[in-house]
Amino acid sequence: MCELATPAETAKYLRTTVGKLANDRYLGVGPRYMKYGRSVLYPWDALRAFIDENTADSL
């Protein structure tokens, strides 16, 4: 079973704000998410993948 994070948990994990996450969803960028009714939820594995995909390689 996949664990899901709320926008508040996701914002804390990514060190950003809930508003930034909402704006990213509107723009179609940011981590993958799902909607369940009116709730927005983020799979933890999608958050880890988002971090891996957006980590810059050092020179």
N, C-alpha and C. Protein backbone atom coordinates (compact mmCIF):
# COMPACT_ATOMS: atom_id res chain seq x y z
N MET A 1 0.84 -1.17 0.00
CA MET A 1 0.00 0.00 0.00
C MET A 1 0.89 1.25 0.00
N CYS A 2 0.52 2.23 -0.76
CA CYS A 2 1.27 3.47 -0.90
C CYS A 2 0.85 4.45 0.19
N GLU A 3 1.83 5.01 0.88
CA GLU A 3 1.51 6.01 1.88
C GLU A 3 1.36 7.37 1.20
N LEU A 4 0.47 8.18 1.72
CA LEU A 4 0.17 9.47 1.12
C LEU A 4 0.42 10.59 2.12
N ALA A 5 0.88 11.73 1.60
CA ALA A 5 1.16 12.90 2.44
C ALA A 5 0.19 14.01 2.10
N THR A 6 -0.18 14.77 3.10
CA THR A 6 -1.02 15.95 2.89
C THR A 6 -0.15 17.08 2.33
N PRO A 7 -0.77 18.13 1.79
CA PRO A 7 0.03 19.28 1.35
C PRO A 7 0.88 19.88 2.46
N ALA A 8 0.38 19.92 3.69
CA ALA A 8 1.16 20.47 4.81
C ALA A 8 2.39 19.60 5.09
N GLU A 9 2.22 18.28 5.08
CA GLU A 9 3.34 17.37 5.30
C GLU A 9 4.35 17.49 4.15
N THR A 10 3.83 17.61 2.92
CA THR A 10 4.69 17.73 1.76
C THR A 10 5.48 19.02 1.79
N ALA A 11 4.84 20.11 2.15
CA ALA A 11 5.53 21.41 2.23
C ALA A 11 6.64 21.35 3.27
N LYS A 12 6.38 20.74 4.40
CA LYS A 12 7.41 20.62 5.43
C LYS A 12 8.56 19.76 4.93
N TYR A 13 8.26 18.66 4.27
CA TYR A 13 9.28 17.74 3.76
C TYR A 13 10.15 18.42 2.70
N LEU A 14 9.54 19.21 1.82
CA LEU A 14 10.28 19.88 0.75
C LEU A 14 10.78 21.27 1.16
N ARG A 15 10.47 21.68 2.39
CA ARG A 15 10.87 22.99 2.91
C ARG A 15 10.37 24.13 2.02
N THR A 16 9.08 24.08 1.76
CA THR A 16 8.41 25.11 0.98
C THR A 16 7.08 25.42 1.64
N THR A 17 6.18 26.06 0.93
CA THR A 17 4.88 26.41 1.51
C THR A 17 3.76 25.66 0.79
N VAL A 18 2.64 25.59 1.46
CA VAL A 18 1.45 24.97 0.86
C VAL A 18 1.02 25.78 -0.36
N GLY A 19 1.14 27.10 -0.27
CA GLY A 19 0.79 27.96 -1.40
C GLY A 19 1.65 27.71 -2.62
N LYS A 20 2.95 27.49 -2.41
CA LYS A 20 3.86 27.19 -3.52
C LYS A 20 3.47 25.86 -4.17
N LEU A 21 3.10 24.88 -3.37
CA LEU A 21 2.66 23.59 -3.91
C LEU A 21 1.39 23.77 -4.75
N ALA A 22 0.46 24.59 -4.26
CA ALA A 22 -0.78 24.84 -5.01
C ALA A 22 -0.47 25.53 -6.33
N ASN A 23 0.43 26.50 -6.31
CA ASN A 23 0.83 27.19 -7.54
C ASN A 23 1.50 26.23 -8.51
N ASP A 24 2.35 25.35 -8.00
CA ASP A 24 3.01 24.36 -8.86
C ASP A 24 1.98 23.42 -9.50
N ARG A 25 0.96 23.03 -8.73
CA ARG A 25 -0.09 22.18 -9.31
C ARG A 25 -0.80 22.92 -10.43
N TYR A 26 -1.10 24.19 -10.21
CA TYR A 26 -1.77 25.02 -11.23
C TYR A 26 -0.94 25.12 -12.49
N LEU A 27 0.38 25.26 -12.33
CA LEU A 27 1.28 25.40 -13.48
C LEU A 27 1.64 24.06 -14.11
N GLY A 28 1.29 22.96 -13.45
CA GLY A 28 1.60 21.64 -13.99
C GLY A 28 3.04 21.22 -13.76
N VAL A 29 3.67 21.80 -12.74
CA VAL A 29 5.03 21.41 -12.38
C VAL A 29 5.00 20.92 -10.93
N GLY A 30 6.14 20.48 -10.44
CA GLY A 30 6.19 20.00 -9.06
C GLY A 30 5.96 18.51 -8.98
N PRO A 31 5.88 18.00 -7.76
CA PRO A 31 5.72 16.55 -7.58
C PRO A 31 4.34 16.06 -8.03
N ARG A 32 4.30 14.79 -8.42
CA ARG A 32 3.02 14.18 -8.78
C ARG A 32 2.10 14.16 -7.56
N TYR A 33 0.82 14.26 -7.80
CA TYR A 33 -0.16 14.25 -6.73
C TYR A 33 -1.42 13.55 -7.21
N MET A 34 -2.30 13.30 -6.28
CA MET A 34 -3.59 12.73 -6.64
C MET A 34 -4.68 13.50 -5.91
N LYS A 35 -5.87 13.45 -6.45
CA LYS A 35 -7.02 14.07 -5.79
C LYS A 35 -7.96 12.96 -5.37
N TYR A 36 -8.44 13.09 -4.16
CA TYR A 36 -9.45 12.18 -3.64
C TYR A 36 -10.57 13.07 -3.14
N GLY A 37 -11.61 13.18 -3.94
CA GLY A 37 -12.65 14.16 -3.65
C GLY A 37 -12.05 15.54 -3.81
N ARG A 38 -12.11 16.33 -2.75
CA ARG A 38 -11.51 17.67 -2.78
C ARG A 38 -10.11 17.69 -2.19
N SER A 39 -9.68 16.56 -1.67
CA SER A 39 -8.37 16.49 -1.01
C SER A 39 -7.26 16.26 -2.03
N VAL A 40 -6.14 16.91 -1.81
CA VAL A 40 -4.93 16.71 -2.60
C VAL A 40 -3.98 15.89 -1.74
N LEU A 41 -3.45 14.82 -2.31
CA LEU A 41 -2.53 13.95 -1.58
C LEU A 41 -1.31 13.65 -2.46
N TYR A 42 -0.16 13.53 -1.82
CA TYR A 42 1.10 13.27 -2.51
C TYR A 42 1.64 11.91 -2.08
N PRO A 43 1.86 10.98 -3.03
CA PRO A 43 2.50 9.71 -2.67
C PRO A 43 3.96 9.97 -2.24
N TRP A 44 4.38 9.35 -1.15
CA TRP A 44 5.74 9.54 -0.67
C TRP A 44 6.77 9.11 -1.71
N ASP A 45 6.50 8.04 -2.44
CA ASP A 45 7.47 7.61 -3.45
C ASP A 45 7.60 8.65 -4.57
N ALA A 46 6.52 9.37 -4.88
CA ALA A 46 6.58 10.43 -5.88
C ALA A 46 7.40 11.61 -5.38
N LEU A 47 7.33 11.89 -4.08
CA LEU A 47 8.14 12.98 -3.51
C LEU A 47 9.62 12.64 -3.57
N ARG A 48 9.95 11.39 -3.24
CA ARG A 48 11.35 10.99 -3.30
C ARG A 48 11.86 11.02 -4.74
N ALA A 49 11.03 10.58 -5.69
CA ALA A 49 11.41 10.62 -7.10
C ALA A 49 11.58 12.06 -7.57
N PHE A 50 10.72 12.96 -7.14
CA PHE A 50 10.82 14.38 -7.50
C PHE A 50 12.15 14.96 -7.02
N ILE A 51 12.55 14.62 -5.81
CA ILE A 51 13.83 15.10 -5.28
C ILE A 51 14.98 14.53 -6.10
N ASP A 52 14.94 13.23 -6.40
CA ASP A 52 16.00 12.61 -7.20
C ASP A 52 16.11 13.25 -8.58
N GLU A 53 14.98 13.52 -9.22
CA GLU A 53 14.97 14.09 -10.57
C GLU A 53 15.44 15.55 -10.59
N ASN A 54 15.32 16.23 -9.47
CA ASN A 54 15.65 17.66 -9.42
C ASN A 54 16.90 17.97 -8.62
N THR A 55 17.70 16.95 -8.34
CA THR A 55 18.95 17.16 -7.64
C THR A 55 20.05 17.40 -8.66
N ALA A 56 20.73 18.53 -8.54
CA ALA A 56 21.78 18.89 -9.49
C ALA A 56 23.04 18.08 -9.19
N ASP A 57 23.72 17.68 -10.24
CA ASP A 57 25.02 17.01 -10.08
C ASP A 57 26.07 18.06 -9.79
N SER A 58 26.94 17.77 -8.87
CA SER A 58 28.02 18.73 -8.59
C SER A 58 29.12 18.55 -9.62
N LEU A 59 29.79 19.62 -9.90
CA LEU A 59 30.86 19.60 -10.91
C LEU A 59 32.17 19.17 -10.33
